[in-house]
Structures are given as C-alpha cells and as structure tokens.
Amino acid sequence: MTVLWLLLFLIGGAFTVDVKIVQLGDSYSSGVGAVATRHEYDTVIPECWRSLHGRGGQYAEHLLVANNNNYNVTYVNGACSGAKSHDLLNANLVSQKWGLCPLQRKRNTAEVFYNRTRFKLKCNKYAVPQINYVDPATDLVLLTIGGNDALFSRLLSTCILGISIREARKCLEILEEARTTQVNYTETIKEALVEIWYKMGESGKIVVFQYPHLIQNYSRIWNDPRSGISIDGPQLVREFTEEGNHAYLVAAKELNTAMGVEFLTIYDKTMDIFAGHEPDPRKHSRNDDRWISEFERPIGSVYHPNQRGHSEWGAAVALQCVFGVNLF
C-alpha cells in the first residue's frame, strides 16, 4: 500500500518497543499550514493537503527524541482537508473534473479510486475511507473531526470575515443550522470511533483533539438599526467552538462507559496552547505573534495553524507521551 508514512529511527540508539500512530480527520490533522508552499504537500492525493510536518508528524518526531523513550515510531497520515464525520468510514469525493479518468493501471490504488459520472462527462476522484489506514498493528489514532460538519468555512466567511449586516444575519442563520445538525454528526462521529477502535484491537487508544479558537478574545460588533440586529461575530464563533469542544468530552464519557474501557481520550489543552496566538478580529488590528494563519501563502491555509502553530502543538502533545497505550 502506498501511504503517507514516516519511519523514524534514532541513530546509535537501542529501541525497546514499536509504536504505530495513525492520523485521521480533517485539515487540522492533515497538516494544512505546516509547510510554506503548496508543492510541499503529499502528491498522492494533493486535494487532502497532507504533510508530515503537521501536529501529528511533529508529535511523532518528539516521541523519537524524548529522553528515556526508546520508541520505534511509524507515523501514517490518512487525514484529508475538508473531511467530514461521514468520511471516516466512507469514501470521500475529493474532486470532480470534466473529461476522462486516468488510465486503468493508474486509476485505483489503496488510497484513491476513480469512477465516471452517469453520462461519463466527468471523472470523480475519491479518497478511500479513512478507517482503511487503521489495522490491528495500530497503537494510537489521532484526529480532529467535526469542524466541516459544523459549517466551518461558512462560519469563517460570515461571522469573522463578514463586513456587512447582511452577512451578520447570515451568521446567525448558519450558527442555528450548525447547532441543529450537531446532534446528528456527533452520533456519526461516535459510531465511527467505535468502528475504528474495533479495527485496532482492545489495546489501542484514540485521541480526539479539541479545536483552537480561531480568533482572539476581542469583540467586533455589527449593528443594524432597521431590524434591531446587533451581533458580535467573533464572540459568537468562540462560544460555538467551546460548545463543540465540550460535546467531545460528553461523548467520550458516554463511549468509554458503554465500552467498559478508557479507549478514547479528548485532548483538551488545544485552546490553552494557542491562547494569545490567534488572529486579532478587530478592524485594522493584527497579532504579529499569531500561530494561526490569516492570509499567508499557501492561501488554502487561511485560519489553520501555521508552521509555528503545528510545531508548538506537536511539542505540547508529546508531553502526554503515548496516552497510556500499553506497548508491552
């Protein structure tokens, strides 16, 4: 299988134990923002924006060099930018283009497959279900998931970047829609996590990372005297992010109780790590010490951790070692 992988070894060291880490999830896991240019991302499925320098890869490297930790680390990145909860167990349509699909010998691999639309005018490209990257040898699965289910890009464009009262109204509508669908996609995530754990085996552990705040704790008020609407877009997004992060804690408690074993951990320090390093939402203001990109290149990394953000996040996660996985 051709997968994005990293086999790390310590020159001159004597390893005592192997550990396999699989990264799943969305753009906050695939590594968006971790490198400076678009061509530095993995080319097997470029639409997924996978990088070995994201939080997961940084964490694996820190495990390697940690004092007294003789780990032989294999790191596999199966995350994909834009992924939703459904894509953990199902194929993910990553592109659709006019014209012919690739030649048969290049068409279907262990990571990607193609098919034609009904009238054969377009070629669909799919990333395989992310669970395919997990096997019984997997010790630890890391992921962020749910942000795209929660309408991340629409919330970003209207509640944070929006500049008109029309977008302020849309912000309230999108927040209501996201809250309405939260129950459904939370259940989808829970079902997927259980299936992933079953495939790993009972000794495996899953770590779901909470999301950082996208902006600093400042206000930006929009008022509409005609309708009486007055909203604080940045604060609404911060509140919604906290609600979503709390939902993971509740879900983990329910799943661990149901399974009778603590197989699921919620990494709840993400917001603390990025605190003070988020973009400044105030007009004409800019946080020069931000670890989350605004409009830097590559443009697809907007409001994702930048290189410093991934590095600091990975280093902080490494303090948890292997999250209690029994490797012996």
Protein backbone atom coordinates (compact mmCIF):
# COMPACT_ATOMS: atom_id res chain seq x y z
CA MET A 1 0.00 0.00 0.00
CA THR A 2 1.28 3.43 -0.89
CA VAL A 3 0.50 5.55 2.15
CA LEU A 4 1.93 8.73 3.54
CA TRP A 5 4.22 7.29 6.17
CA LEU A 6 7.15 8.16 8.34
CA LEU A 7 9.54 5.59 9.82
CA LEU A 8 11.64 7.30 12.42
CA PHE A 9 14.81 5.90 13.89
CA LEU A 10 17.40 7.04 16.39
CA ILE A 11 20.95 6.62 15.14
CA GLY A 12 23.03 4.68 17.62
CA GLY A 13 20.05 4.07 19.94
CA ALA A 14 18.58 0.78 21.00
CA PHE A 15 14.80 0.62 20.63
CA THR A 16 12.78 -1.35 23.11
CA VAL A 17 9.30 -1.00 21.64
CA ASP A 18 7.49 -0.27 18.36
CA VAL A 19 4.59 2.18 18.20
CA LYS A 20 2.35 2.83 15.19
CA ILE A 21 0.48 6.14 15.07
CA VAL A 22 -2.24 6.82 12.50
CA GLN A 23 -3.50 10.34 11.87
CA LEU A 24 -7.09 10.68 10.66
CA GLY A 25 -9.55 13.54 10.35
CA ASP A 26 -9.78 16.90 8.62
CA SER A 27 -7.46 19.76 7.64
CA TYR A 28 -6.41 20.45 11.23
CA SER A 29 -4.96 16.92 11.23
CA SER A 30 -3.77 16.54 7.63
CA GLY A 31 -1.22 19.31 8.14
CA VAL A 32 -2.68 22.33 6.33
CA GLY A 33 -0.40 25.30 7.06
CA ALA A 34 2.54 23.16 8.17
CA VAL A 35 4.69 23.96 5.12
CA ALA A 36 5.40 27.15 3.20
CA THR A 37 4.30 26.23 -0.34
CA ARG A 38 1.59 24.14 -1.98
CA HIS A 39 4.03 21.78 -3.74
CA GLU A 40 5.50 20.66 -0.40
CA TYR A 41 2.37 18.68 0.45
CA ASP A 42 1.98 14.99 -0.35
CA THR A 43 1.25 14.40 -4.03
CA VAL A 44 -0.64 11.09 -3.81
CA ILE A 45 -3.88 12.93 -3.06
CA PRO A 46 -2.95 16.62 -3.27
CA GLU A 47 -6.54 17.61 -2.52
CA CYS A 48 -6.03 16.31 1.04
CA TRP A 49 -3.14 18.71 1.83
CA ARG A 50 -1.22 16.09 3.81
CA SER A 51 2.10 16.96 5.40
CA LEU A 52 4.47 15.07 7.67
CA HIS A 53 5.22 18.39 9.37
CA GLY A 54 1.75 18.85 10.85
CA ARG A 55 0.89 18.36 14.51
CA GLY A 56 0.88 14.57 14.20
CA GLY A 57 4.24 14.35 12.48
CA GLN A 58 5.75 16.82 14.95
CA TYR A 59 4.41 14.71 17.81
CA ALA A 60 5.95 11.56 16.33
CA GLU A 61 9.33 13.26 15.99
CA HIS A 62 9.21 14.44 19.61
CA LEU A 63 8.44 10.90 20.75
CA LEU A 64 11.54 9.74 18.94
CA VAL A 65 13.96 12.06 20.66
CA ALA A 66 12.33 12.22 24.10
CA ASN A 67 14.73 11.27 26.87
CA ASN A 68 14.47 7.68 28.05
CA ASN A 69 11.81 6.89 25.42
CA ASN A 70 13.13 4.18 23.14
CA TYR A 71 10.31 4.22 20.60
CA ASN A 72 10.47 2.94 17.05
CA VAL A 73 7.75 5.15 15.60
CA THR A 74 5.78 4.57 12.42
CA TYR A 75 3.55 7.51 11.52
CA VAL A 76 0.79 7.26 8.87
CA ASN A 77 -1.23 10.28 7.75
CA GLY A 78 -4.66 9.39 6.39
CA ALA A 79 -6.36 12.70 7.20
CA CYS A 80 -7.84 14.85 4.44
CA SER A 81 -8.66 18.53 4.19
CA GLY A 82 -12.40 19.04 4.00
CA ALA A 83 -13.22 15.66 5.55
CA LYS A 84 -16.46 15.29 7.47
CA SER A 85 -17.51 12.68 10.02
CA HIS A 86 -19.03 10.55 7.25
CA ASP A 87 -15.62 10.21 5.59
CA LEU A 88 -14.10 8.27 8.47
CA LEU A 89 -15.99 5.16 7.35
CA ASN A 90 -16.89 6.08 3.76
CA ALA A 91 -15.11 7.21 0.59
CA ASN A 92 -14.60 10.95 0.27
CA LEU A 93 -15.19 12.70 -3.07
CA VAL A 94 -12.12 14.97 -3.29
CA SER A 95 -12.51 16.24 -6.86
CA GLN A 96 -14.75 16.11 -9.91
CA LYS A 97 -13.42 17.18 -13.28
CA TRP A 98 -14.62 17.22 -16.86
CA GLY A 99 -13.05 14.62 -19.12
CA LEU A 100 -11.56 11.16 -18.91
CA CYS A 101 -10.34 9.38 -15.81
CA PRO A 102 -6.68 8.23 -15.55
CA LEU A 103 -5.60 5.08 -17.33
CA GLN A 104 -6.75 1.86 -15.67
CA ARG A 105 -3.29 0.95 -14.39
CA LYS A 106 -3.05 4.31 -12.60
CA ARG A 107 -6.67 4.60 -11.63
CA ASN A 108 -7.28 2.69 -8.43
CA THR A 109 -4.82 2.27 -5.58
CA ALA A 110 -5.01 1.54 -1.88
CA GLU A 111 -5.54 5.27 -1.25
CA VAL A 112 -7.58 6.58 -4.16
CA PHE A 113 -10.05 5.40 -6.80
CA TYR A 114 -11.97 6.93 -9.70
CA ASN A 115 -15.26 6.50 -11.48
CA ARG A 116 -17.23 8.28 -14.19
CA THR A 117 -20.45 10.21 -13.72
CA ARG A 118 -23.71 8.84 -15.08
CA PHE A 119 -23.28 10.27 -18.57
CA LYS A 120 -19.49 9.82 -18.46
CA LEU A 121 -18.81 13.53 -18.87
CA LYS A 122 -16.90 13.93 -15.63
CA CYS A 123 -14.39 11.90 -13.65
CA ASN A 124 -14.88 11.56 -9.90
CA LYS A 125 -11.85 11.11 -7.66
CA TYR A 126 -12.30 9.57 -4.23
CA ALA A 127 -10.08 9.15 -1.22
CA VAL A 128 -10.68 5.76 0.39
CA PRO A 129 -12.45 5.61 3.77
CA GLN A 130 -10.03 6.79 6.42
CA ILE A 131 -10.57 3.68 8.50
CA ASN A 132 -8.64 1.83 5.76
CA TYR A 133 -5.41 3.27 7.19
CA VAL A 134 -6.05 1.55 10.53
CA ASP A 135 -5.08 -2.06 11.19
CA PRO A 136 -4.55 -4.32 14.23
CA ALA A 137 -0.95 -3.11 14.46
CA THR A 138 -2.15 0.47 15.11
CA ASP A 139 -1.45 1.56 18.68
CA LEU A 140 -2.68 5.13 18.58
CA VAL A 141 -5.13 7.03 16.37
CA LEU A 142 -5.10 10.84 16.46
CA LEU A 143 -7.75 13.03 14.87
CA THR A 144 -9.73 16.24 14.67
CA ILE A 145 -13.18 15.86 13.14
CA GLY A 146 -16.48 17.71 13.11
CA GLY A 147 -15.36 21.18 12.06
CA ASN A 148 -16.57 20.79 8.49
CA ASP A 149 -19.80 19.20 9.70
CA ALA A 150 -20.22 22.34 11.80
CA LEU A 151 -20.00 24.52 8.67
CA PHE A 152 -16.51 25.83 9.45
CA SER A 153 -15.89 27.64 6.16
CA ARG A 154 -19.30 29.34 6.16
CA LEU A 155 -18.92 30.48 9.76
CA LEU A 156 -15.48 31.82 8.93
CA SER A 157 -16.62 33.80 5.88
CA THR A 158 -19.71 35.33 7.51
CA CYS A 159 -19.11 35.60 11.26
CA ILE A 160 -15.42 36.53 11.23
CA LEU A 161 -14.61 37.90 7.79
CA GLY A 162 -18.06 39.32 7.09
CA ILE A 163 -18.24 43.09 6.75
CA SER A 164 -21.93 43.80 6.12
CA ILE A 165 -25.09 43.46 8.20
CA ARG A 166 -26.42 41.09 5.53
CA GLU A 167 -23.61 38.72 6.48
CA ALA A 168 -24.39 39.34 10.15
CA ARG A 169 -27.88 37.93 9.57
CA LYS A 170 -26.37 35.00 7.70
CA CYS A 171 -24.01 34.42 10.62
CA LEU A 172 -26.95 33.89 12.96
CA GLU A 173 -28.65 31.60 10.45
CA ILE A 174 -25.52 29.46 9.96
CA LEU A 175 -24.97 29.17 13.70
CA GLU A 176 -28.53 27.98 14.14
CA GLU A 177 -28.11 25.43 11.34
CA ALA A 178 -24.82 24.18 12.81
CA ARG A 179 -26.35 23.74 16.26
CA THR A 180 -29.35 21.94 14.78
CA THR A 181 -27.18 19.38 12.97
CA GLN A 182 -24.70 18.92 15.82
CA VAL A 183 -26.60 16.02 17.36
CA ASN A 184 -26.57 14.07 14.10
CA TYR A 185 -22.89 14.46 13.25
CA THR A 186 -21.88 13.84 16.86
CA GLU A 187 -23.61 10.46 16.67
CA THR A 188 -21.87 9.75 13.35
CA ILE A 189 -18.50 10.53 14.95
CA LYS A 190 -19.24 8.28 17.93
CA GLU A 191 -20.18 5.36 15.70
CA ALA A 192 -17.04 5.84 13.61
CA LEU A 193 -14.77 5.98 16.66
CA VAL A 194 -16.13 2.68 17.91
CA GLU A 195 -15.58 1.04 14.50
CA ILE A 196 -12.03 2.38 14.34
CA TRP A 197 -11.29 1.07 17.83
CA TYR A 198 -12.66 -2.38 16.96
CA LYS A 199 -10.31 -2.50 13.99
CA MET A 200 -7.33 -1.51 16.15
CA GLY A 201 -7.95 -4.03 18.86
CA GLU A 202 -8.77 -3.53 22.51
CA SER A 203 -5.27 -2.34 23.43
CA GLY A 204 -5.47 0.61 21.03
CA LYS A 205 -6.18 4.19 22.04
CA ILE A 206 -7.91 7.02 20.18
CA VAL A 207 -7.20 10.69 20.87
CA VAL A 208 -9.62 13.34 19.59
CA PHE A 209 -8.17 16.85 19.66
CA GLN A 210 -10.31 19.82 20.51
CA TYR A 211 -10.07 22.76 18.12
CA PRO A 212 -8.33 26.05 18.95
CA HIS A 213 -10.14 29.35 18.97
CA LEU A 214 -9.89 30.95 15.53
CA ILE A 215 -9.64 34.49 16.86
CA GLN A 216 -8.53 36.31 19.98
CA ASN A 217 -10.95 37.22 22.73
CA TYR A 218 -11.96 40.58 21.32
CA SER A 219 -15.29 41.87 20.11
CA ARG A 220 -16.41 43.25 16.79
CA ILE A 221 -20.00 44.49 16.87
CA TRP A 222 -22.28 44.81 13.89
CA ASN A 223 -25.47 46.86 14.32
CA ASP A 224 -28.46 47.11 12.01
CA PRO A 225 -30.76 49.96 13.10
CA ARG A 226 -33.50 48.86 10.71
CA SER A 227 -34.00 45.39 12.16
CA GLY A 228 -32.51 45.98 15.57
CA ILE A 229 -29.96 43.20 14.99
CA SER A 230 -26.73 43.61 16.91
CA ILE A 231 -24.20 40.79 16.94
CA ASP A 232 -20.62 40.14 17.95
CA GLY A 233 -19.44 37.72 15.26
CA PRO A 234 -16.05 36.76 16.76
CA GLN A 235 -17.54 36.12 20.20
CA LEU A 236 -20.35 34.01 18.74
CA VAL A 237 -17.78 31.82 16.97
CA ARG A 238 -15.70 31.48 20.13
CA GLU A 239 -18.77 30.41 22.09
CA PHE A 240 -19.76 27.90 19.43
CA THR A 241 -16.23 26.44 19.34
CA GLU A 242 -16.35 25.94 23.10
CA GLU A 243 -19.74 24.26 22.81
CA GLY A 244 -18.38 21.86 20.20
CA ASN A 245 -15.29 21.07 22.24
CA HIS A 246 -17.41 20.37 25.30
CA ALA A 247 -19.57 17.98 23.26
CA TYR A 248 -16.46 15.83 22.67
CA LEU A 249 -15.93 15.50 26.43
CA VAL A 250 -19.51 14.37 26.91
CA ALA A 251 -19.27 11.91 24.01
CA ALA A 252 -16.02 10.42 25.33
CA LYS A 253 -17.51 9.80 28.75
CA GLU A 254 -20.51 8.07 27.17
CA LEU A 255 -18.40 5.89 24.86
CA ASN A 256 -15.86 4.86 27.49
CA THR A 257 -18.68 3.91 29.84
CA ALA A 258 -20.50 1.96 27.12
CA MET A 259 -17.35 0.07 26.08
CA GLY A 260 -16.23 -0.58 29.63
CA VAL A 261 -12.70 0.66 28.90
CA GLU A 262 -11.00 4.07 28.59
CA PHE A 263 -10.19 3.75 24.89
CA LEU A 264 -10.99 7.36 24.00
CA THR A 265 -9.16 10.46 25.22
CA ILE A 266 -10.10 14.06 24.46
CA TYR A 267 -7.08 16.33 24.25
CA ASP A 268 -8.49 19.43 25.93
CA LYS A 269 -5.40 21.66 26.05
CA THR A 270 -5.56 22.97 22.47
CA MET A 271 -7.22 26.28 23.33
CA ASP A 272 -4.68 26.92 26.09
CA ILE A 273 -1.77 26.23 23.73
CA PHE A 274 -3.00 28.76 21.17
CA ALA A 275 -4.28 31.34 23.67
CA GLY A 276 -2.89 34.76 22.74
CA HIS A 277 -1.60 33.45 19.42
CA GLU A 278 -4.86 33.63 17.45
CA PRO A 279 -5.54 36.30 14.81
CA ASP A 280 -6.92 39.61 16.07
CA PRO A 281 -10.51 40.11 14.81
CA ARG A 282 -10.59 43.86 15.40
CA LYS A 283 -10.63 46.16 12.41
CA HIS A 284 -7.17 47.40 11.39
CA SER A 285 -5.55 45.21 14.09
CA ARG A 286 -3.07 42.41 13.63
CA ASN A 287 -1.46 39.92 16.00
CA ASP A 288 2.15 39.54 14.87
CA ASP A 289 2.63 36.60 17.26
CA ARG A 290 -0.17 34.51 15.79
CA TRP A 291 0.17 30.75 15.34
CA ILE A 292 -2.91 30.60 13.14
CA SER A 293 -2.68 31.88 9.58
CA GLU A 294 -4.81 34.67 8.21
CA PHE A 295 -3.97 35.31 4.56
CA GLU A 296 -0.45 33.98 4.26
CA ARG A 297 0.50 31.62 1.47
CA PRO A 298 -0.44 28.97 0.59
CA ILE A 299 -3.86 30.60 0.52
CA GLY A 300 -5.63 27.36 1.43
CA SER A 301 -4.16 27.55 4.92
CA VAL A 302 -6.32 30.52 5.97
CA TYR A 303 -7.35 30.17 9.63
CA HIS A 304 -5.35 27.00 10.17
CA PRO A 305 -2.27 26.55 12.37
CA ASN A 306 0.86 27.91 10.69
CA GLN A 307 4.28 26.28 10.88
CA ARG A 308 4.90 27.64 14.38
CA GLY A 309 1.43 26.56 15.45
CA HIS A 310 1.93 22.97 14.31
CA SER A 311 5.35 22.85 15.94
CA GLU A 312 4.15 24.16 19.31
CA TRP A 313 1.04 21.95 19.21
CA GLY A 314 3.07 18.83 18.45
CA ALA A 315 5.60 19.58 21.19
CA ALA A 316 2.85 20.08 23.76
CA VAL A 317 1.11 16.85 22.77
CA ALA A 318 4.38 14.94 23.15
CA LEU A 319 4.28 15.71 26.88
CA GLN A 320 1.44 13.16 27.05
CA CYS A 321 3.85 10.52 25.75
CA VAL A 322 1.71 7.72 24.22
CA PHE A 323 -1.50 8.49 26.12
CA GLY A 324 -1.34 5.39 28.25
CA VAL A 325 -1.09 2.88 25.41
CA ASN A 326 0.24 -0.45 26.70
CA LEU A 327 3.04 -1.28 24.25
CA PHE A 328 4.42 -4.28 26.09
